[in-house]
Amino acid sequence: MENVLEKRSLGAKVRKLRTAQGISQRQLALMTGISRSYLWKIETGTADIGIDVLIKIARALDTQVCELIEF
């Protein structure tokens, strides 16, 4: 699997922001239109993530994409 460390870092940042804002995985999934299982994979660093999904997550968490992918 390529880019394992980067995917884990991205997932950890998403999880940290989500929990800091008191948002559940289910809520964030509903806010972004992605499945909770896909969100779980993103947060654990096991999913490939496209730019469209990354933008949706960043907007839902009121942050910028660059903050999520700064490694």
PDB file of N, CA and C in Angstrom:
ATOM      1  N   MET A   1       0.848  -1.176   0.000  1.00  0.00           N
ATOM      2  CA  MET A   1       0.000   0.000   0.000  1.00  0.00           C
ATOM      3  C   MET A   1       0.896   1.241   0.000  1.00  0.00           C
ATOM      4  N   GLU A   2       0.591   2.143  -0.885  1.00  0.00           N
ATOM      5  CA  GLU A   2       1.400   3.352  -1.011  1.00  0.00           C
ATOM      6  C   GLU A   2       0.913   4.461  -0.077  1.00  0.00           C
ATOM      7  N   ASN A   3       1.827   5.303   0.321  1.00  0.00           N
ATOM      8  CA  ASN A   3       1.516   6.508   1.095  1.00  0.00           C
ATOM      9  C   ASN A   3       0.823   6.204   2.420  1.00  0.00           C
ATOM     10  N   VAL A   4       1.211   5.140   3.064  1.00  0.00           N
ATOM     11  CA  VAL A   4       0.568   4.702   4.302  1.00  0.00           C
ATOM     12  C   VAL A   4       0.654   5.773   5.384  1.00  0.00           C
ATOM     13  N   LEU A   5       1.823   6.320   5.592  1.00  0.00           N
ATOM     14  CA  LEU A   5       1.993   7.325   6.649  1.00  0.00           C
ATOM     15  C   LEU A   5       1.158   8.575   6.389  1.00  0.00           C
ATOM     16  N   GLU A   6       1.105   8.997   5.149  1.00  0.00           N
ATOM     17  CA  GLU A   6       0.332  10.189   4.797  1.00  0.00           C
ATOM     18  C   GLU A   6      -1.159   9.951   4.985  1.00  0.00           C
ATOM     19  N   LYS A   7      -1.634   8.769   4.596  1.00  0.00           N
ATOM     20  CA  LYS A   7      -3.052   8.445   4.768  1.00  0.00           C
ATOM     21  C   LYS A   7      -3.417   8.392   6.242  1.00  0.00           C
ATOM     22  N   ARG A   8      -2.544   7.827   7.051  1.00  0.00           N
ATOM     23  CA  ARG A   8      -2.803   7.770   8.499  1.00  0.00           C
ATOM     24  C   ARG A   8      -2.801   9.172   9.103  1.00  0.00           C
ATOM     25  N   SER A   9      -1.888  10.014   8.665  1.00  0.00           N
ATOM     26  CA  SER A   9      -1.823  11.379   9.156  1.00  0.00           C
ATOM     27  C   SER A   9      -3.097  12.149   8.796  1.00  0.00           C
ATOM     28  N   LEU A  10      -3.532  12.026   7.561  1.00  0.00           N
ATOM     29  CA  LEU A  10      -4.766  12.670   7.115  1.00  0.00           C
ATOM     30  C   LEU A  10      -5.943  12.183   7.949  1.00  0.00           C
ATOM     31  N   GLY A  11      -6.050  10.874   8.124  1.00  0.00           N
ATOM     32  CA  GLY A  11      -7.146  10.309   8.900  1.00  0.00           C
ATOM     33  C   GLY A  11      -7.145  10.780  10.338  1.00  0.00           C
ATOM     34  N   ALA A  12      -5.964  10.854  10.923  1.00  0.00           N
ATOM     35  CA  ALA A  12      -5.851  11.316  12.309  1.00  0.00           C
ATOM     36  C   ALA A  12      -6.291  12.773  12.438  1.00  0.00           C
ATOM     37  N   LYS A  13      -5.957  13.583  11.451  1.00  0.00           N
ATOM     38  CA  LYS A  13      -6.358  14.991  11.486  1.00  0.00           C
ATOM     39  C   LYS A  13      -7.867  15.133  11.360  1.00  0.00           C
ATOM     40  N   VAL A  14      -8.466  14.338  10.472  1.00  0.00           N
ATOM     41  CA  VAL A  14      -9.927  14.370  10.316  1.00  0.00           C
ATOM     42  C   VAL A  14     -10.584  13.964  11.634  1.00  0.00           C
ATOM     43  N   ARG A  15     -10.135  12.868  12.221  1.00  0.00           N
ATOM     44  CA  ARG A  15     -10.704  12.376  13.473  1.00  0.00           C
ATOM     45  C   ARG A  15     -10.533  13.404  14.600  1.00  0.00           C
ATOM     46  N   LYS A  16      -9.348  14.010  14.693  1.00  0.00           N
ATOM     47  CA  LYS A  16      -9.080  14.999  15.735  1.00  0.00           C
ATOM     48  C   LYS A  16     -10.014  16.203  15.610  1.00  0.00           C
ATOM     49  N   LEU A  17     -10.147  16.739  14.405  1.00  0.00           N
ATOM     50  CA  LEU A  17     -11.035  17.883  14.188  1.00  0.00           C
ATOM     51  C   LEU A  17     -12.489  17.510  14.457  1.00  0.00           C
ATOM     52  N   ARG A  18     -12.879  16.347  13.987  1.00  0.00           N
ATOM     53  CA  ARG A  18     -14.264  15.894  14.169  1.00  0.00           C
ATOM     54  C   ARG A  18     -14.608  15.763  15.647  1.00  0.00           C
ATOM     55  N   THR A  19     -13.759  15.090  16.394  1.00  0.00           N
ATOM     56  CA  THR A  19     -14.050  14.881  17.815  1.00  0.00           C
ATOM     57  C   THR A  19     -13.944  16.179  18.606  1.00  0.00           C
ATOM     58  N   ALA A  20     -13.027  17.052  18.239  1.00  0.00           N
ATOM     59  CA  ALA A  20     -12.893  18.346  18.922  1.00  0.00           C
ATOM     60  C   ALA A  20     -14.158  19.187  18.769  1.00  0.00           C
ATOM     61  N   GLN A  21     -14.854  18.982  17.655  1.00  0.00           N
ATOM     62  CA  GLN A  21     -16.084  19.730  17.407  1.00  0.00           C
ATOM     63  C   GLN A  21     -17.322  18.988  17.904  1.00  0.00           C
ATOM     64  N   GLY A  22     -17.111  17.822  18.499  1.00  0.00           N
ATOM     65  CA  GLY A  22     -18.233  17.053  19.036  1.00  0.00           C
ATOM     66  C   GLY A  22     -19.125  16.443  17.973  1.00  0.00           C
ATOM     67  N   ILE A  23     -18.532  16.139  16.827  1.00  0.00           N
ATOM     68  CA  ILE A  23     -19.282  15.557  15.706  1.00  0.00           C
ATOM     69  C   ILE A  23     -19.003  14.060  15.657  1.00  0.00           C
ATOM     70  N   SER A  24     -20.052  13.264  15.578  1.00  0.00           N
ATOM     71  CA  SER A  24     -19.872  11.819  15.469  1.00  0.00           C
ATOM     72  C   SER A  24     -19.525  11.452  14.032  1.00  0.00           C
ATOM     73  N   GLN A  25     -19.017  10.233  13.855  1.00  0.00           N
ATOM     74  CA  GLN A  25     -18.745   9.766  12.489  1.00  0.00           C
ATOM     75  C   GLN A  25     -20.026   9.769  11.667  1.00  0.00           C
ATOM     76  N   ARG A  26     -21.107   9.343  12.272  1.00  0.00           N
ATOM     77  CA  ARG A  26     -22.393   9.307  11.559  1.00  0.00           C
ATOM     78  C   ARG A  26     -22.801  10.702  11.110  1.00  0.00           C
ATOM     79  N   GLN A  27     -22.661  11.679  12.006  1.00  0.00           N
ATOM     80  CA  GLN A  27     -23.018  13.054  11.659  1.00  0.00           C
ATOM     81  C   GLN A  27     -22.160  13.582  10.519  1.00  0.00           C
ATOM     82  N   LEU A  28     -20.848  13.347  10.597  1.00  0.00           N
ATOM     83  CA  LEU A  28     -19.963  13.842   9.534  1.00  0.00           C
ATOM     84  C   LEU A  28     -20.268  13.146   8.218  1.00  0.00           C
ATOM     85  N   ALA A  29     -20.580  11.867   8.285  1.00  0.00           N
ATOM     86  CA  ALA A  29     -20.950  11.142   7.067  1.00  0.00           C
ATOM     87  C   ALA A  29     -22.199  11.763   6.434  1.00  0.00           C
ATOM     88  N   LEU A  30     -23.181  12.087   7.249  1.00  0.00           N
ATOM     89  CA  LEU A  30     -24.393  12.722   6.732  1.00  0.00           C
ATOM     90  C   LEU A  30     -24.108  14.117   6.178  1.00  0.00           C
ATOM     91  N   MET A  31     -23.238  14.859   6.847  1.00  0.00           N
ATOM     92  CA  MET A  31     -22.889  16.211   6.409  1.00  0.00           C
ATOM     93  C   MET A  31     -22.169  16.211   5.060  1.00  0.00           C
ATOM     94  N   THR A  32     -21.423  15.151   4.791  1.00  0.00           N
ATOM     95  CA  THR A  32     -20.601  15.103   3.583  1.00  0.00           C
ATOM     96  C   THR A  32     -21.195  14.232   2.478  1.00  0.00           C
ATOM     97  N   GLY A  33     -22.187  13.433   2.823  1.00  0.00           N
ATOM     98  CA  GLY A  33     -22.795  12.562   1.821  1.00  0.00           C
ATOM     99  C   GLY A  33     -21.984  11.305   1.525  1.00  0.00           C
ATOM    100  N   ILE A  34     -21.091  10.931   2.440  1.00  0.00           N
ATOM    101  CA  ILE A  34     -20.333   9.698   2.268  1.00  0.00           C
ATOM    102  C   ILE A  34     -20.790   8.701   3.335  1.00  0.00           C
ATOM    103  N   SER A  35     -20.501   7.444   3.134  1.00  0.00           N
ATOM    104  CA  SER A  35     -20.933   6.438   4.102  1.00  0.00           C
ATOM    105  C   SER A  35     -20.058   6.485   5.350  1.00  0.00           C
ATOM    106  N   ARG A  36     -20.641   6.058   6.469  1.00  0.00           N
ATOM    107  CA  ARG A  36     -19.889   6.030   7.711  1.00  0.00           C
ATOM    108  C   ARG A  36     -18.728   5.047   7.625  1.00  0.00           C
ATOM    109  N   SER A  37     -18.933   3.945   6.916  1.00  0.00           N
ATOM    110  CA  SER A  37     -17.847   2.961   6.787  1.00  0.00           C
ATOM    111  C   SER A  37     -16.684   3.522   5.969  1.00  0.00           C
ATOM    112  N   TYR A  38     -16.981   4.311   4.946  1.00  0.00           N
ATOM    113  CA  TYR A  38     -15.919   4.947   4.162  1.00  0.00           C
ATOM    114  C   TYR A  38     -15.189   5.987   5.021  1.00  0.00           C
ATOM    115  N   LEU A  39     -15.943   6.740   5.817  1.00  0.00           N
ATOM    116  CA  LEU A  39     -15.331   7.718   6.707  1.00  0.00           C
ATOM    117  C   LEU A  39     -14.424   7.016   7.711  1.00  0.00           C
ATOM    118  N   TRP A  40     -14.861   5.876   8.239  1.00  0.00           N
ATOM    119  CA  TRP A  40     -14.028   5.105   9.164  1.00  0.00           C
ATOM    120  C   TRP A  40     -12.725   4.695   8.483  1.00  0.00           C
ATOM    121  N   LYS A  41     -12.805   4.259   7.233  1.00  0.00           N
ATOM    122  CA  LYS A  41     -11.603   3.874   6.492  1.00  0.00           C
ATOM    123  C   LYS A  41     -10.683   5.072   6.282  1.00  0.00           C
ATOM    124  N   ILE A  42     -11.253   6.221   6.017  1.00  0.00           N
ATOM    125  CA  ILE A  42     -10.437   7.439   5.868  1.00  0.00           C
ATOM    126  C   ILE A  42      -9.725   7.736   7.182  1.00  0.00           C
ATOM    127  N   GLU A  43     -10.461   7.690   8.275  1.00  0.00           N
ATOM    128  CA  GLU A  43      -9.882   8.024   9.577  1.00  0.00           C
ATOM    129  C   GLU A  43      -8.823   7.022  10.030  1.00  0.00           C
ATOM    130  N   THR A  44      -8.916   5.790   9.565  1.00  0.00           N
ATOM    131  CA  THR A  44      -7.917   4.792   9.935  1.00  0.00           C
ATOM    132  C   THR A  44      -6.773   4.729   8.927  1.00  0.00           C
ATOM    133  N   GLY A  45      -6.865   5.515   7.872  1.00  0.00           N
ATOM    134  CA  GLY A  45      -5.794   5.576   6.882  1.00  0.00           C
ATOM    135  C   GLY A  45      -5.769   4.413   5.920  1.00  0.00           C
ATOM    136  N   THR A  46      -6.888   3.716   5.770  1.00  0.00           N
ATOM    137  CA  THR A  46      -6.921   2.558   4.886  1.00  0.00           C
ATOM    138  C   THR A  46      -7.638   2.822   3.565  1.00  0.00           C
ATOM    139  N   ALA A  47      -8.196   4.008   3.397  1.00  0.00           N
ATOM    140  CA  ALA A  47      -8.937   4.319   2.177  1.00  0.00           C
ATOM    141  C   ALA A  47      -8.163   5.298   1.305  1.00  0.00           C
ATOM    142  N   ASP A  48      -8.317   5.123   0.010  1.00  0.00           N
ATOM    143  CA  ASP A  48      -7.865   6.153  -0.914  1.00  0.00           C
ATOM    144  C   ASP A  48      -8.969   7.206  -0.933  1.00  0.00           C
ATOM    145  N   ILE A  49      -8.579   8.462  -0.971  1.00  0.00           N
ATOM    146  CA  ILE A  49      -9.567   9.535  -0.897  1.00  0.00           C
ATOM    147  C   ILE A  49      -9.368  10.496  -2.055  1.00  0.00           C
ATOM    148  N   GLY A  50     -10.453  10.792  -2.727  1.00  0.00           N
ATOM    149  CA  GLY A  50     -10.417  11.717  -3.848  1.00  0.00           C
ATOM    150  C   GLY A  50     -10.542  13.158  -3.379  1.00  0.00           C
ATOM    151  N   ILE A  51     -10.176  14.067  -4.227  1.00  0.00           N
ATOM    152  CA  ILE A  51     -10.198  15.487  -3.885  1.00  0.00           C
ATOM    153  C   ILE A  51     -11.604  15.978  -3.578  1.00  0.00           C
ATOM    154  N   ASP A  52     -12.611  15.457  -4.275  1.00  0.00           N
ATOM    155  CA  ASP A  52     -13.987  15.888  -4.018  1.00  0.00           C
ATOM    156  C   ASP A  52     -14.410  15.560  -2.590  1.00  0.00           C
ATOM    157  N   VAL A  53     -14.100  14.362  -2.145  1.00  0.00           N
ATOM    158  CA  VAL A  53     -14.444  13.950  -0.779  1.00  0.00           C
ATOM    159  C   VAL A  53     -13.632  14.758   0.222  1.00  0.00           C
ATOM    160  N   LEU A  54     -12.379  14.978  -0.064  1.00  0.00           N
ATOM    161  CA  LEU A  54     -11.525  15.762   0.824  1.00  0.00           C
ATOM    162  C   LEU A  54     -12.066  17.180   1.000  1.00  0.00           C
ATOM    163  N   ILE A  55     -12.522  17.776  -0.070  1.00  0.00           N
ATOM    164  CA  ILE A  55     -13.112  19.119  -0.008  1.00  0.00           C
ATOM    165  C   ILE A  55     -14.383  19.108   0.834  1.00  0.00           C
ATOM    166  N   LYS A  56     -15.235  18.104   0.659  1.00  0.00           N
ATOM    167  CA  LYS A  56     -16.468  18.006   1.444  1.00  0.00           C
ATOM    168  C   LYS A  56     -16.159  17.891   2.934  1.00  0.00           C
ATOM    169  N   ILE A  57     -15.183  17.069   3.269  1.00  0.00           N
ATOM    170  CA  ILE A  57     -14.805  16.897   4.670  1.00  0.00           C
ATOM    171  C   ILE A  57     -14.254  18.199   5.243  1.00  0.00           C
ATOM    172  N   ALA A  58     -13.376  18.853   4.508  1.00  0.00           N
ATOM    173  CA  ALA A  58     -12.798  20.114   4.971  1.00  0.00           C
ATOM    174  C   ALA A  58     -13.883  21.161   5.207  1.00  0.00           C
ATOM    175  N   ARG A  59     -14.813  21.266   4.298  1.00  0.00           N
ATOM    176  CA  ARG A  59     -15.901  22.242   4.457  1.00  0.00           C
ATOM    177  C   ARG A  59     -16.765  21.909   5.673  1.00  0.00           C
ATOM    178  N   ALA A  60     -17.091  20.637   5.832  1.00  0.00           N
ATOM    179  CA  ALA A  60     -17.931  20.226   6.963  1.00  0.00           C
ATOM    180  C   ALA A  60     -17.243  20.501   8.298  1.00  0.00           C
ATOM    181  N   LEU A  61     -15.922  20.397   8.320  1.00  0.00           N
ATOM    182  CA  LEU A  61     -15.158  20.624   9.546  1.00  0.00           C
ATOM    183  C   LEU A  61     -14.666  22.069   9.666  1.00  0.00           C
ATOM    184  N   ASP A  62     -15.099  22.906   8.736  1.00  0.00           N
ATOM    185  CA  ASP A  62     -14.748  24.324   8.729  1.00  0.00           C
ATOM    186  C   ASP A  62     -13.233  24.534   8.780  1.00  0.00           C
ATOM    187  N   THR A  63     -12.558  23.846   7.880  1.00  0.00           N
ATOM    188  CA  THR A  63     -11.105  23.985   7.772  1.00  0.00           C
ATOM    189  C   THR A  63     -10.742  24.002   6.295  1.00  0.00           C
ATOM    190  N   GLN A  64      -9.469  24.160   6.013  1.00  0.00           N
ATOM    191  CA  GLN A  64      -8.994  24.159   4.638  1.00  0.00           C
ATOM    192  C   GLN A  64      -8.377  22.817   4.326  1.00  0.00           C
ATOM    193  N   VAL A  65      -8.450  22.409   3.072  1.00  0.00           N
ATOM    194  CA  VAL A  65      -7.873  21.141   2.642  1.00  0.00           C
ATOM    195  C   VAL A  65      -6.386  21.085   2.999  1.00  0.00           C
ATOM    196  N   CYS A  66      -5.695  22.180   2.819  1.00  0.00           N
ATOM    197  CA  CYS A  66      -4.245  22.184   3.100  1.00  0.00           C
ATOM    198  C   CYS A  66      -3.951  21.863   4.557  1.00  0.00           C
ATOM    199  N   GLU A  67      -4.864  22.179   5.475  1.00  0.00           N
ATOM    200  CA  GLU A  67      -4.661  21.832   6.875  1.00  0.00           C
ATOM    201  C   GLU A  67      -4.753  20.331   7.106  1.00  0.00           C
ATOM    202  N   LEU A  68      -5.558  19.656   6.293  1.00  0.00           N
ATOM    203  CA  LEU A  68      -5.713  18.210   6.428  1.00  0.00           C
ATOM    204  C   LEU A  68      -4.553  17.443   5.812  1.00  0.00           C
ATOM    205  N   ILE A  69      -3.949  18.012   4.781  1.00  0.00           N
ATOM    206  CA  ILE A  69      -2.907  17.266   4.060  1.00  0.00           C
ATOM    207  C   ILE A  69      -1.498  17.785   4.316  1.00  0.00           C
ATOM    208  N   GLU A  70      -1.359  18.641   5.312  1.00  0.00           N
ATOM    209  CA  GLU A  70      -0.023  19.120   5.675  1.00  0.00           C
ATOM    210  C   GLU A  70       0.671  18.017   6.478  1.00  0.00           C
ATOM    211  N   PHE A  71       1.681  17.395   5.866  1.00  0.00           N
ATOM    212  CA  PHE A  71       2.340  16.250   6.498  1.00  0.00           C
ATOM    213  C   PHE A  71       3.659  16.664   7.106  1.00  0.00           C
TER     214      PHE A  71
END
